[in-house]
């Protein structure tokens, strides 16, 4: 259920309220932390092939939502 919230909210990020964006950002950051913990013992080849690319995509989502929050704050 948690994953579904993050995916749906991320897809609708342009239309979310400030509170919903804050919640989404917290959820995405938590997802990054949990994924880092999960891949900590990956062997180097697996890390390069799967771990790093997926982590980069997760971190890009965090950056996009954080940027959207900053843009909204600047417009006020």
Protein backbone atom coordinates (compact mmCIF):
# COMPACT_ATOMS: atom_id res chain seq x y z
CA UNK A 1 0.00 0.00 0.00
CA UNK A 2 2.82 2.43 0.86
CA UNK A 3 4.45 1.90 -2.53
CA UNK A 4 1.16 2.62 -4.27
CA UNK A 5 0.84 5.95 -2.46
CA UNK A 6 4.32 7.03 -3.49
CA UNK A 7 3.86 6.02 -7.12
CA UNK A 8 0.43 7.64 -7.49
CA UNK A 9 1.44 10.79 -5.64
CA UNK A 10 4.63 11.11 -7.68
CA UNK A 11 2.65 10.79 -10.91
CA UNK A 12 0.32 13.58 -9.74
CA UNK A 13 3.01 15.74 -8.11
CA UNK A 14 2.12 18.83 -10.15
CA UNK A 15 -1.39 18.92 -8.67
CA UNK A 16 -0.61 18.09 -5.03
CA UNK A 17 -1.09 20.52 -2.17
CA UNK A 18 1.86 21.75 -0.14
CA UNK A 19 1.15 19.29 2.65
CA UNK A 20 0.85 16.40 0.20
CA UNK A 21 4.13 17.41 -1.47
CA UNK A 22 5.85 17.46 1.92
CA UNK A 23 4.49 14.01 2.68
CA UNK A 24 5.60 12.74 -0.73
CA UNK A 25 9.09 14.15 -0.25
CA UNK A 26 9.38 12.46 3.14
CA UNK A 27 8.17 9.17 1.66
CA UNK A 28 10.65 9.38 -1.21
CA UNK A 29 13.53 10.17 1.12
CA UNK A 30 12.53 7.22 3.29
CA UNK A 31 12.44 5.01 0.20
CA UNK A 32 15.98 6.11 -0.73
CA UNK A 33 17.21 5.36 2.80
CA UNK A 34 15.55 1.94 2.84
CA UNK A 35 16.96 1.07 -0.59
CA UNK A 36 20.48 2.13 0.44
CA UNK A 37 20.15 -0.14 3.45
CA UNK A 38 18.88 -3.00 1.29
CA UNK A 39 21.77 -2.82 -1.20
CA UNK A 40 24.59 -2.28 1.28
CA UNK A 41 25.93 -5.83 0.77
CA UNK A 42 25.48 -6.08 -2.98
CA UNK A 43 28.55 -7.41 -4.75
CA UNK A 44 30.25 -4.82 -6.98
CA UNK A 45 28.90 -6.19 -10.27
CA UNK A 46 25.33 -6.33 -8.99
CA UNK A 47 25.69 -2.86 -7.45
CA UNK A 48 26.85 -1.43 -10.76
CA UNK A 49 24.23 -3.21 -12.81
CA UNK A 50 21.17 -2.81 -10.59
CA UNK A 51 21.85 -0.95 -7.36
CA UNK A 52 23.35 2.30 -8.59
CA UNK A 53 20.96 2.89 -11.53
CA UNK A 54 17.85 2.32 -9.41
CA UNK A 55 19.23 4.45 -6.58
CA UNK A 56 19.94 7.24 -9.07
CA UNK A 57 16.33 7.12 -10.29
CA UNK A 58 15.04 7.30 -6.72
CA UNK A 59 17.32 10.24 -5.93
CA UNK A 60 16.17 12.01 -9.11
CA UNK A 61 12.58 11.74 -7.89
CA UNK A 62 13.59 13.29 -4.57
CA UNK A 63 15.32 16.13 -6.43
CA UNK A 64 12.31 16.75 -8.66
CA UNK A 65 9.86 16.93 -5.77
CA UNK A 66 12.21 19.10 -3.69
CA UNK A 67 12.59 21.43 -6.68
CA UNK A 68 8.83 21.60 -7.12
CA UNK A 69 8.43 22.56 -3.45
CA UNK A 70 11.09 25.27 -3.81
CA UNK A 71 9.43 26.62 -6.96
CA UNK A 72 6.06 26.83 -5.24
CA UNK A 73 7.63 28.62 -2.27
CA UNK A 74 9.36 31.12 -4.57
CA UNK A 75 6.09 32.00 -6.28
CA UNK A 76 4.53 33.15 -3.01
